[in-house]
N, C-alpha and C. Protein backbone atom coordinates (compact mmCIF):
# COMPACT_ATOMS: atom_id res chain seq x y z
N UNK A 1 234.52 203.19 76.63
CA UNK A 1 233.94 201.78 76.20
C UNK A 1 233.08 201.02 77.02
N UNK A 2 231.90 200.73 76.58
CA UNK A 2 230.98 200.09 77.56
C UNK A 2 230.89 198.62 77.23
N UNK A 3 230.71 197.77 78.04
CA UNK A 3 230.64 196.41 78.04
C UNK A 3 229.38 196.02 77.55
N UNK A 4 229.03 195.24 76.40
CA UNK A 4 227.72 194.91 76.04
C UNK A 4 227.52 193.40 76.10
N UNK A 5 228.52 192.72 76.38
CA UNK A 5 228.23 191.32 76.45
C UNK A 5 229.54 190.62 77.23
N UNK A 6 229.34 189.33 77.28
CA UNK A 6 230.46 188.58 78.13
C UNK A 6 230.43 187.21 77.29
N UNK A 7 231.67 186.72 77.09
CA UNK A 7 231.97 185.42 76.40
C UNK A 7 232.90 184.65 77.32
N UNK A 8 232.65 183.26 77.59
CA UNK A 8 233.52 182.52 78.37
C UNK A 8 233.72 181.29 77.40
N UNK A 9 235.04 180.89 77.16
CA UNK A 9 235.43 179.82 76.28
C UNK A 9 236.20 178.78 77.30
N UNK A 10 235.78 177.56 76.96
CA UNK A 10 236.49 176.42 77.68
C UNK A 10 237.23 175.44 76.75
N UNK A 11 238.15 174.82 77.24
CA UNK A 11 238.94 173.83 76.47
C UNK A 11 239.22 172.57 77.34
N UNK A 12 238.82 171.54 76.78
CA UNK A 12 239.24 170.13 77.51
C UNK A 12 240.23 169.29 76.72
N UNK A 13 241.04 168.51 77.03
CA UNK A 13 241.78 167.79 76.30
C UNK A 13 242.42 166.48 77.06
N UNK A 14 241.97 165.36 76.74
CA UNK A 14 242.45 164.16 77.33
C UNK A 14 243.54 163.45 76.73
N UNK A 15 244.14 164.09 75.73
CA UNK A 15 245.39 163.40 75.24
C UNK A 15 245.05 162.76 73.86
N UNK A 16 243.71 162.82 73.38
CA UNK A 16 243.33 162.35 71.99
C UNK A 16 242.11 163.30 71.73
N UNK A 17 241.10 163.25 72.46
CA UNK A 17 239.84 164.00 72.35
C UNK A 17 239.79 165.47 72.93
N UNK A 18 239.15 166.31 72.32
CA UNK A 18 238.99 167.68 72.79
C UNK A 18 237.61 167.91 72.70
N UNK A 19 237.20 168.92 73.73
CA UNK A 19 235.84 169.67 73.72
C UNK A 19 236.12 170.97 73.84
N UNK A 20 235.69 171.81 73.05
CA UNK A 20 235.66 173.32 73.12
C UNK A 20 234.47 173.85 73.33
N UNK A 21 234.11 174.96 74.13
CA UNK A 21 233.03 175.57 74.30
C UNK A 21 233.03 176.87 74.40
N UNK A 22 231.99 177.54 73.92
CA UNK A 22 231.88 179.02 73.94
C UNK A 22 230.46 179.56 74.24
N UNK A 23 230.29 180.21 75.36
CA UNK A 23 228.88 180.82 75.77
C UNK A 23 229.28 182.35 75.61
N UNK A 24 228.21 183.07 75.15
CA UNK A 24 228.20 184.49 75.00
C UNK A 24 226.93 184.94 75.51
N UNK A 25 226.80 186.10 76.05
CA UNK A 25 225.49 186.76 76.47
C UNK A 25 225.50 188.05 76.36
N UNK A 26 224.63 188.90 76.04
CA UNK A 26 224.37 190.23 76.20
C UNK A 26 224.38 190.81 77.68
N UNK A 27 224.76 191.82 77.99
CA UNK A 27 224.64 192.40 79.41
C UNK A 27 224.27 193.84 79.24
N UNK A 28 223.93 194.44 80.45
CA UNK A 28 223.71 195.80 80.46
C UNK A 28 222.36 196.26 79.70
N UNK A 29 222.34 197.41 79.20
CA UNK A 29 221.22 198.02 78.44
C UNK A 29 220.79 197.10 77.07
N UNK A 30 221.81 196.61 76.52
CA UNK A 30 221.58 195.67 75.40
C UNK A 30 220.77 194.53 75.77
N UNK A 31 221.16 193.89 76.92
CA UNK A 31 220.33 192.72 77.54
C UNK A 31 218.89 193.01 77.67
N UNK A 32 218.66 194.28 77.96
CA UNK A 32 217.21 194.65 78.22
C UNK A 32 216.40 194.87 77.11
N UNK A 33 216.91 195.39 75.98
CA UNK A 33 216.45 195.62 74.63
C UNK A 33 216.50 194.71 73.60
N UNK A 34 217.61 194.23 73.40
CA UNK A 34 217.92 193.26 72.29
C UNK A 34 218.88 192.06 72.80
N UNK A 35 218.38 191.20 73.82
CA UNK A 35 219.05 190.16 74.33
C UNK A 35 219.59 189.26 73.34
N UNK A 36 220.89 188.68 73.49
CA UNK A 36 221.60 187.78 72.66
C UNK A 36 222.18 186.68 73.49
N UNK A 37 222.09 185.39 73.11
CA UNK A 37 222.81 184.22 73.53
C UNK A 37 223.52 183.40 72.46
N UNK A 38 224.80 183.19 72.54
CA UNK A 38 225.38 182.31 71.54
C UNK A 38 226.09 181.24 72.24
N UNK A 39 225.76 180.01 71.90
CA UNK A 39 226.31 178.80 72.66
C UNK A 39 226.84 177.94 71.44
N UNK A 40 228.19 177.49 71.60
CA UNK A 40 228.69 176.81 70.45
C UNK A 40 229.53 175.69 71.27
N UNK A 41 229.57 174.37 70.69
CA UNK A 41 230.25 173.40 71.32
C UNK A 41 230.89 172.51 70.33
N UNK A 42 232.21 172.37 70.27
CA UNK A 42 232.89 171.59 69.26
C UNK A 42 233.56 170.38 69.88
N UNK A 43 233.31 169.15 69.41
CA UNK A 43 234.08 167.94 70.04
C UNK A 43 234.67 167.13 68.90
N UNK A 44 235.93 166.70 69.12
CA UNK A 44 236.72 166.03 68.19
C UNK A 44 238.00 165.36 68.48
N UNK A 45 238.94 165.17 67.69
CA UNK A 45 240.24 164.58 68.06
C UNK A 45 241.30 165.57 67.71
N UNK A 46 242.55 165.15 68.21
CA UNK A 46 243.72 166.11 67.77
C UNK A 46 244.63 165.12 67.11
N UNK A 47 245.17 165.49 65.88
CA UNK A 47 246.13 164.61 65.12
C UNK A 47 247.49 165.51 64.82
N UNK A 48 248.34 164.93 64.06
CA UNK A 48 249.54 165.65 63.67
C UNK A 48 248.94 166.82 62.73
N UNK A 49 247.75 166.82 62.13
CA UNK A 49 247.22 167.90 61.34
C UNK A 49 246.49 168.86 62.24
N UNK A 50 246.31 168.64 63.51
CA UNK A 50 245.77 169.70 64.34
C UNK A 50 244.37 169.12 64.75
N UNK A 51 243.36 169.91 64.81
CA UNK A 51 241.99 169.43 65.40
C UNK A 51 241.19 168.86 64.03
N UNK A 52 240.60 167.90 64.43
CA UNK A 52 239.74 167.09 63.56
C UNK A 52 238.30 167.15 64.22
N UNK A 53 237.47 167.97 63.73
CA UNK A 53 236.10 168.19 64.53
C UNK A 53 235.26 166.99 64.29
N UNK A 54 234.45 166.30 65.10
CA UNK A 54 233.48 165.26 64.93
C UNK A 54 232.06 165.83 64.97
N UNK A 55 231.73 166.76 65.90
CA UNK A 55 230.51 167.24 66.20
C UNK A 55 230.57 168.67 66.50
N UNK A 56 229.74 169.54 65.88
CA UNK A 56 229.66 170.91 66.21
C UNK A 56 228.08 171.24 66.40
N UNK A 57 227.87 172.09 67.52
CA UNK A 57 226.64 172.31 67.80
C UNK A 57 226.49 174.04 67.95
N UNK A 58 225.63 174.73 67.37
CA UNK A 58 225.52 176.07 67.42
C UNK A 58 224.10 176.27 67.68
N UNK A 59 223.97 177.14 68.84
CA UNK A 59 222.61 177.63 69.33
C UNK A 59 222.67 179.06 69.58
N UNK A 60 221.86 179.78 68.76
CA UNK A 60 221.94 181.28 68.80
C UNK A 60 220.62 181.91 68.85
N UNK A 61 220.36 182.69 70.00
CA UNK A 61 219.10 183.32 70.30
C UNK A 61 219.42 184.82 70.27
N UNK A 62 218.70 185.64 69.27
CA UNK A 62 218.57 186.77 69.10
C UNK A 62 217.21 187.50 69.40
N UNK A 63 217.01 188.12 70.62
CA UNK A 63 215.81 188.68 70.80
C UNK A 63 214.83 187.34 71.06
N UNK A 64 213.78 187.34 70.33
CA UNK A 64 212.92 186.18 70.58
C UNK A 64 213.14 185.10 69.53
N UNK A 65 213.96 185.15 68.61
CA UNK A 65 214.23 184.25 67.75
C UNK A 65 215.48 183.24 68.14
N UNK A 66 215.29 182.05 67.97
CA UNK A 66 216.15 181.20 68.23
C UNK A 66 216.50 180.23 66.99
N UNK A 67 217.66 179.84 67.06
CA UNK A 67 218.06 178.88 65.96
C UNK A 67 219.19 177.94 66.40
N UNK A 68 219.05 176.73 66.03
CA UNK A 68 219.91 175.56 66.37
C UNK A 68 220.27 174.78 65.07
N UNK A 69 221.75 174.64 65.15
CA UNK A 69 222.00 173.89 63.89
C UNK A 69 223.23 172.91 64.53
N UNK A 70 223.43 171.92 63.57
CA UNK A 70 224.38 170.74 64.16
C UNK A 70 224.96 170.39 62.75
N UNK A 71 226.42 170.02 63.06
CA UNK A 71 227.27 169.41 62.04
C UNK A 71 227.89 168.30 62.44
N UNK A 72 227.74 167.16 61.73
CA UNK A 72 228.36 166.00 62.25
C UNK A 72 229.30 165.44 61.08
N UNK A 73 230.66 165.50 61.44
CA UNK A 73 231.75 165.31 60.44
C UNK A 73 232.02 163.61 60.35
N UNK A 74 231.89 163.16 59.38
CA UNK A 74 232.15 161.74 59.14
C UNK A 74 233.42 161.59 58.19
N UNK A 75 234.55 161.66 58.72
CA UNK A 75 235.89 161.70 58.14
C UNK A 75 236.08 160.45 57.15
N UNK A 76 235.65 159.11 57.72
CA UNK A 76 235.79 157.94 56.95
C UNK A 76 235.08 157.93 55.61
N UNK A 77 233.91 158.57 55.77
CA UNK A 77 232.99 158.58 54.52
C UNK A 77 233.41 159.95 53.85
N UNK A 78 234.00 160.70 54.38
CA UNK A 78 234.29 162.01 53.51
C UNK A 78 232.89 162.98 53.47
N UNK A 79 232.17 162.94 54.47
CA UNK A 79 230.98 163.70 54.39
C UNK A 79 230.66 164.36 55.69
N UNK A 80 229.91 165.51 55.49
CA UNK A 80 229.39 166.22 56.84
C UNK A 80 227.85 166.41 56.54
N UNK A 81 227.19 166.08 57.72
CA UNK A 81 225.74 166.39 57.74
C UNK A 81 225.63 167.54 58.63
N UNK A 82 225.01 168.51 57.94
CA UNK A 82 224.67 169.82 58.74
C UNK A 82 223.37 170.68 58.27
N UNK A 83 223.31 171.54 58.97
CA UNK A 83 222.03 172.47 58.77
C UNK A 83 221.27 172.81 59.93
N UNK A 84 220.41 173.62 59.85
CA UNK A 84 219.37 173.97 61.01
C UNK A 84 218.71 172.74 61.27
N UNK A 85 218.36 172.54 62.66
CA UNK A 85 217.61 171.42 62.93
C UNK A 85 216.10 171.64 62.79
N UNK A 86 215.24 170.81 62.30
CA UNK A 86 215.58 169.41 61.90
C UNK A 86 215.96 169.12 60.39
N UNK A 87 216.06 170.40 59.62
CA UNK A 87 216.28 170.28 58.31
C UNK A 87 217.84 170.19 58.03
N UNK A 88 218.56 169.05 57.56
CA UNK A 88 219.69 168.79 57.33
C UNK A 88 220.22 168.24 55.83
N UNK A 89 221.48 168.54 55.64
CA UNK A 89 221.89 168.06 54.19
C UNK A 89 223.23 167.31 54.41
N UNK A 90 223.64 166.61 53.51
CA UNK A 90 224.65 166.10 53.64
C UNK A 90 225.77 166.39 52.49
N UNK A 91 226.81 166.83 52.64
CA UNK A 91 227.63 167.37 51.68
C UNK A 91 229.03 166.75 51.70
N UNK A 92 229.96 166.87 50.62
CA UNK A 92 231.34 166.43 50.69
C UNK A 92 232.12 167.16 51.86
N UNK A 93 233.20 166.46 52.46
CA UNK A 93 233.92 167.10 53.40
C UNK A 93 235.22 167.21 53.04
N UNK A 94 235.63 168.39 52.66
CA UNK A 94 237.09 168.57 52.22
C UNK A 94 238.13 168.29 53.39
N UNK A 95 239.34 167.92 53.18
CA UNK A 95 240.24 167.72 54.05
C UNK A 95 240.37 169.02 54.85
N UNK A 96 240.84 169.07 56.13
CA UNK A 96 241.17 170.31 56.95
C UNK A 96 240.01 171.17 57.18
N UNK A 97 238.73 170.49 57.10
CA UNK A 97 237.56 171.28 57.35
C UNK A 97 237.56 171.62 58.95
N UNK A 98 237.01 172.78 59.36
CA UNK A 98 236.96 173.06 60.68
C UNK A 98 235.44 173.77 60.90
N UNK A 99 235.17 173.92 62.29
CA UNK A 99 233.83 174.58 62.54
C UNK A 99 234.42 175.80 63.19
N UNK A 100 233.36 176.82 63.51
CA UNK A 100 233.61 178.13 63.95
C UNK A 100 234.66 178.14 65.13
N UNK A 101 234.40 177.34 66.15
CA UNK A 101 235.29 177.26 67.36
C UNK A 101 236.57 176.63 67.23
N UNK A 102 236.55 175.41 66.36
CA UNK A 102 237.83 174.63 66.28
C UNK A 102 238.66 175.31 65.52
N UNK A 103 238.23 176.27 64.49
CA UNK A 103 238.96 177.11 63.67
C UNK A 103 240.07 178.06 64.38
N UNK A 104 239.49 178.56 65.26
CA UNK A 104 240.34 179.42 66.11
C UNK A 104 241.48 178.89 66.87
N UNK A 105 241.29 177.80 67.41
CA UNK A 105 242.40 177.01 67.94
C UNK A 105 243.19 176.35 66.87
N UNK A 106 242.59 175.73 65.80
CA UNK A 106 243.44 175.14 64.76
C UNK A 106 244.44 176.19 64.33
N UNK A 107 244.07 177.37 64.23
CA UNK A 107 245.18 178.60 63.81
C UNK A 107 246.13 178.75 64.80
N UNK A 108 245.75 178.37 66.25
CA UNK A 108 246.90 178.53 67.11
C UNK A 108 247.68 177.34 67.19
N UNK A 109 247.27 176.09 66.85
CA UNK A 109 248.19 175.03 67.02
C UNK A 109 249.05 174.90 65.62
N UNK A 110 248.64 175.41 64.37
CA UNK A 110 249.23 175.35 63.25
C UNK A 110 249.26 176.89 62.75
N UNK A 111 249.99 177.77 63.28
CA UNK A 111 249.98 179.20 62.91
C UNK A 111 250.24 179.16 61.41
N UNK A 112 249.44 179.95 60.60
CA UNK A 112 249.51 180.15 59.34
C UNK A 112 250.68 181.32 58.93
N UNK A 113 251.37 181.30 57.87
CA UNK A 113 252.42 182.28 57.38
C UNK A 113 251.54 183.35 56.78
N UNK A 114 252.26 184.57 56.94
CA UNK A 114 251.55 185.77 56.37
C UNK A 114 251.03 185.65 54.91
N UNK A 115 250.02 186.10 54.62
CA UNK A 115 249.32 185.87 53.32
C UNK A 115 247.80 185.65 53.35
N UNK A 116 247.42 185.15 52.25
CA UNK A 116 246.17 184.77 52.29
C UNK A 116 246.10 183.30 52.13
N UNK A 117 245.10 182.76 53.10
CA UNK A 117 244.90 181.17 53.26
C UNK A 117 243.40 181.14 53.02
N UNK A 118 243.15 179.75 52.43
CA UNK A 118 241.76 179.50 52.24
C UNK A 118 241.58 178.23 53.14
N UNK A 119 240.30 178.22 53.87
CA UNK A 119 239.74 177.11 54.66
C UNK A 119 238.41 176.87 54.53
N UNK A 120 238.16 175.38 54.59
CA UNK A 120 236.66 175.26 54.59
C UNK A 120 236.32 175.11 56.11
N UNK A 121 235.17 175.86 56.47
CA UNK A 121 234.62 175.70 57.81
C UNK A 121 233.14 176.06 57.83
N UNK A 122 232.56 175.75 58.93
CA UNK A 122 231.25 175.72 59.06
C UNK A 122 230.77 176.39 60.36
N UNK A 123 229.62 177.12 60.34
CA UNK A 123 228.87 177.69 61.70
C UNK A 123 227.73 176.86 61.90
N UNK A 124 227.63 175.68 61.25
CA UNK A 124 226.71 174.77 61.58
C UNK A 124 225.69 174.51 60.52
N UNK A 125 225.49 175.62 59.69
CA UNK A 125 224.54 175.59 58.67
C UNK A 125 224.81 175.10 57.34
N UNK A 126 225.92 175.64 56.98
CA UNK A 126 226.54 175.18 55.65
C UNK A 126 228.05 175.22 55.76
N UNK A 127 228.64 174.43 54.91
CA UNK A 127 230.14 174.33 54.73
C UNK A 127 230.54 175.40 53.61
N UNK A 128 231.39 176.30 54.08
CA UNK A 128 232.02 177.38 53.23
C UNK A 128 233.51 177.35 53.17
N UNK A 129 233.81 177.48 51.95
CA UNK A 129 235.38 177.66 51.76
C UNK A 129 235.64 179.21 51.75
N UNK A 130 236.65 179.57 52.76
CA UNK A 130 236.56 181.24 53.06
C UNK A 130 237.98 181.42 53.06
N UNK A 131 238.35 182.71 52.62
CA UNK A 131 239.70 183.24 52.60
C UNK A 131 239.73 184.00 53.77
N UNK A 132 240.94 183.95 54.35
CA UNK A 132 241.53 184.85 55.48
C UNK A 132 242.79 185.49 55.12
N UNK A 133 243.02 186.62 55.54
CA UNK A 133 244.28 187.42 55.33
C UNK A 133 244.99 187.26 56.68
N UNK A 134 246.33 186.84 56.65
CA UNK A 134 247.19 186.73 57.90
C UNK A 134 248.19 187.82 57.72
N UNK A 135 247.90 188.79 58.69
CA UNK A 135 248.68 189.99 58.70
C UNK A 135 249.93 189.87 59.57
N UNK A 136 250.88 190.91 59.31
CA UNK A 136 252.02 190.99 60.07
C UNK A 136 251.54 191.14 61.56
N UNK A 137 252.43 190.69 62.42
CA UNK A 137 252.13 190.86 64.02
C UNK A 137 252.15 192.38 64.28
N UNK A 138 251.16 192.58 65.13
CA UNK A 138 251.07 194.15 65.94
C UNK A 138 250.83 193.96 67.36
N UNK A 139 251.12 195.07 68.02
CA UNK A 139 250.95 195.04 69.48
C UNK A 139 249.61 195.82 69.74
N UNK A 140 248.86 195.05 70.49
CA UNK A 140 247.42 195.44 70.78
C UNK A 140 247.39 195.50 72.27
N UNK A 141 246.32 196.32 72.83
CA UNK A 141 245.96 196.38 74.24
C UNK A 141 245.07 195.42 74.61
N UNK A 142 245.36 194.63 75.63
CA UNK A 142 244.56 193.57 76.23
C UNK A 142 244.43 193.75 77.73
N UNK A 143 243.48 193.27 78.26
CA UNK A 143 243.31 193.21 79.89
C UNK A 143 244.73 192.59 80.63
N UNK A 144 245.52 191.89 79.70
CA UNK A 144 246.77 191.36 80.21
C UNK A 144 247.97 192.42 80.04
N UNK A 145 247.65 193.39 79.25
CA UNK A 145 248.59 194.57 79.03
C UNK A 145 248.79 194.58 77.49
N UNK A 146 249.95 195.21 76.97
CA UNK A 146 250.15 195.10 75.56
C UNK A 146 250.82 193.85 75.17
N UNK A 147 250.31 193.26 74.23
CA UNK A 147 250.73 191.96 73.62
C UNK A 147 250.91 191.88 72.18
N UNK A 148 251.93 191.05 71.76
CA UNK A 148 252.15 190.94 70.23
C UNK A 148 251.20 189.84 69.76
N UNK A 149 250.51 190.22 68.69
CA UNK A 149 249.52 189.13 67.99
C UNK A 149 249.52 189.29 66.54
N UNK A 150 249.11 188.17 66.21
CA UNK A 150 248.84 188.06 64.49
C UNK A 150 247.54 188.24 64.24
N UNK A 151 247.02 189.23 63.49
CA UNK A 151 245.64 189.31 62.97
C UNK A 151 245.42 188.18 61.82
N UNK A 152 244.28 187.69 61.94
CA UNK A 152 243.83 186.59 60.85
C UNK A 152 242.43 187.12 60.63
N UNK A 153 241.99 187.82 59.62
CA UNK A 153 241.09 188.59 59.20
C UNK A 153 240.32 187.71 58.12
N UNK A 154 239.04 187.38 58.18
CA UNK A 154 238.24 186.72 57.13
C UNK A 154 238.06 187.76 56.16
N UNK A 155 238.03 187.46 54.90
CA UNK A 155 237.61 188.38 53.69
C UNK A 155 236.13 188.51 53.87
N UNK A 156 235.92 189.91 53.72
CA UNK A 156 234.42 190.24 53.68
C UNK A 156 233.64 189.69 52.53
N UNK A 157 232.49 189.13 52.58
CA UNK A 157 231.59 188.78 51.54
C UNK A 157 230.36 189.47 51.68
N UNK A 158 229.72 190.33 50.77
CA UNK A 158 228.42 190.78 50.94
C UNK A 158 227.38 189.79 51.53
N UNK A 159 226.71 190.24 52.47
CA UNK A 159 225.61 189.54 52.97
C UNK A 159 226.05 188.20 53.80
N UNK A 160 227.32 188.22 54.15
CA UNK A 160 227.87 187.20 55.08
C UNK A 160 228.52 187.49 56.34
N UNK A 161 228.28 186.79 57.38
CA UNK A 161 228.91 187.13 58.73
C UNK A 161 230.43 186.86 58.60
N UNK A 162 231.38 187.54 59.22
CA UNK A 162 232.58 187.30 59.17
C UNK A 162 233.19 187.39 60.51
N UNK A 163 234.56 187.02 60.78
CA UNK A 163 235.30 187.18 62.07
C UNK A 163 236.72 187.51 61.75
N UNK A 164 237.37 188.02 62.76
CA UNK A 164 238.77 188.33 62.89
C UNK A 164 239.19 187.80 64.24
N UNK A 165 240.47 187.19 64.13
CA UNK A 165 240.99 186.50 65.26
C UNK A 165 242.36 187.12 65.45
N UNK A 166 243.02 187.35 66.69
CA UNK A 166 244.25 187.67 66.93
C UNK A 166 244.94 186.82 67.83
N UNK A 167 246.12 186.21 67.24
CA UNK A 167 246.83 185.03 67.92
C UNK A 167 247.94 185.59 68.63
N UNK A 168 247.88 185.45 69.93
CA UNK A 168 249.02 186.00 70.87
C UNK A 168 250.37 185.09 70.58
N UNK A 169 251.28 185.80 70.08
CA UNK A 169 252.63 185.17 69.95
C UNK A 169 253.33 184.69 71.04
N UNK A 170 253.21 185.53 72.08
CA UNK A 170 253.87 185.04 73.44
C UNK A 170 253.10 184.07 74.25
N UNK A 171 251.97 183.72 73.84
CA UNK A 171 251.06 182.85 74.50
C UNK A 171 250.45 181.65 73.58
N UNK A 172 251.66 180.92 72.84
CA UNK A 172 251.40 179.72 72.16
C UNK A 172 250.18 180.04 71.09
N UNK A 173 250.22 181.32 70.65
CA UNK A 173 249.28 181.62 69.66
C UNK A 173 247.84 181.53 69.91
N UNK A 174 247.46 181.56 71.11
CA UNK A 174 246.07 181.42 71.60
C UNK A 174 245.38 182.62 71.07
N UNK A 175 244.05 182.73 70.70
CA UNK A 175 243.35 183.87 70.32
C UNK A 175 243.14 184.62 71.57
N UNK A 176 243.52 186.01 71.56
CA UNK A 176 243.29 186.80 72.58
C UNK A 176 242.23 187.82 72.16
N UNK A 177 241.94 187.89 70.96
CA UNK A 177 240.84 188.97 70.56
C UNK A 177 240.18 188.14 69.47
N UNK A 178 238.98 188.17 69.61
CA UNK A 178 237.82 187.76 68.56
C UNK A 178 236.87 188.72 68.29
N UNK A 179 236.72 189.07 67.03
CA UNK A 179 235.73 189.96 66.78
C UNK A 179 234.82 189.39 65.80
N UNK A 180 233.50 189.61 65.74
CA UNK A 180 232.44 189.11 64.99
C UNK A 180 231.97 190.31 64.28
N UNK A 181 231.52 190.10 63.02
CA UNK A 181 230.93 191.07 62.19
C UNK A 181 229.57 190.46 61.57
N UNK A 182 228.52 191.29 61.55
CA UNK A 182 227.28 190.88 60.93
C UNK A 182 227.27 190.95 59.50
N UNK A 183 226.18 190.25 58.95
CA UNK A 183 226.01 190.35 57.51
C UNK A 183 226.31 191.65 56.78
N UNK A 184 226.14 192.83 57.43
CA UNK A 184 226.39 194.24 56.99
C UNK A 184 227.70 194.58 57.31
N UNK A 185 228.54 193.68 57.75
CA UNK A 185 230.05 194.23 58.00
C UNK A 185 230.19 194.91 59.21
N UNK A 186 229.22 195.15 59.90
CA UNK A 186 229.24 195.88 61.22
C UNK A 186 229.65 194.90 62.33
N UNK A 187 230.57 195.54 63.26
CA UNK A 187 231.00 194.81 64.27
C UNK A 187 229.76 194.49 65.21
N UNK A 188 229.70 193.01 65.65
CA UNK A 188 228.51 192.60 66.29
C UNK A 188 229.07 192.00 67.55
N UNK A 189 230.33 191.86 67.92
CA UNK A 189 230.74 191.42 69.08
C UNK A 189 232.36 191.25 69.20
N UNK A 190 232.88 191.32 70.30
CA UNK A 190 234.32 191.38 70.36
C UNK A 190 234.60 190.52 71.86
């Protein structure tokens, strides 16, 4: 198995406000021929219902193409302004909405029961209501050794990116494996 990239995630919490960051970049031969950079930042508050994002920034660079999008959650007005910058739209904000990064940690804070769940979330461009299958716990190999983890797999939709997250049952359900799939359903990162 060859490493083709590196991701560093950060989490800050001051008792009320959180900041989640994720930076990914290609390495090795992939970096020479098809460099990729993904930067995500989510800021918000923590309540009894878990994470409540207020601002999400996505900056993606694939080769020579760059794309930036922003989502600003207005919970009082029940709206979210989002889209590629500078073109943005305002749409209704369903309760429990998450962004790409807060979603993973929301699942850790409030682990879902096995079965299918439906969640509204955004990657910054649009708000989608997406289904995930929560599967029974399994044992997976990790750099920490063999760990029990609950897979949460986004249902595949033609022409849409998707993700899969494994929540470590022995480590407060933190995500220990995250896989991203491109619009063709092919693995694009882990």
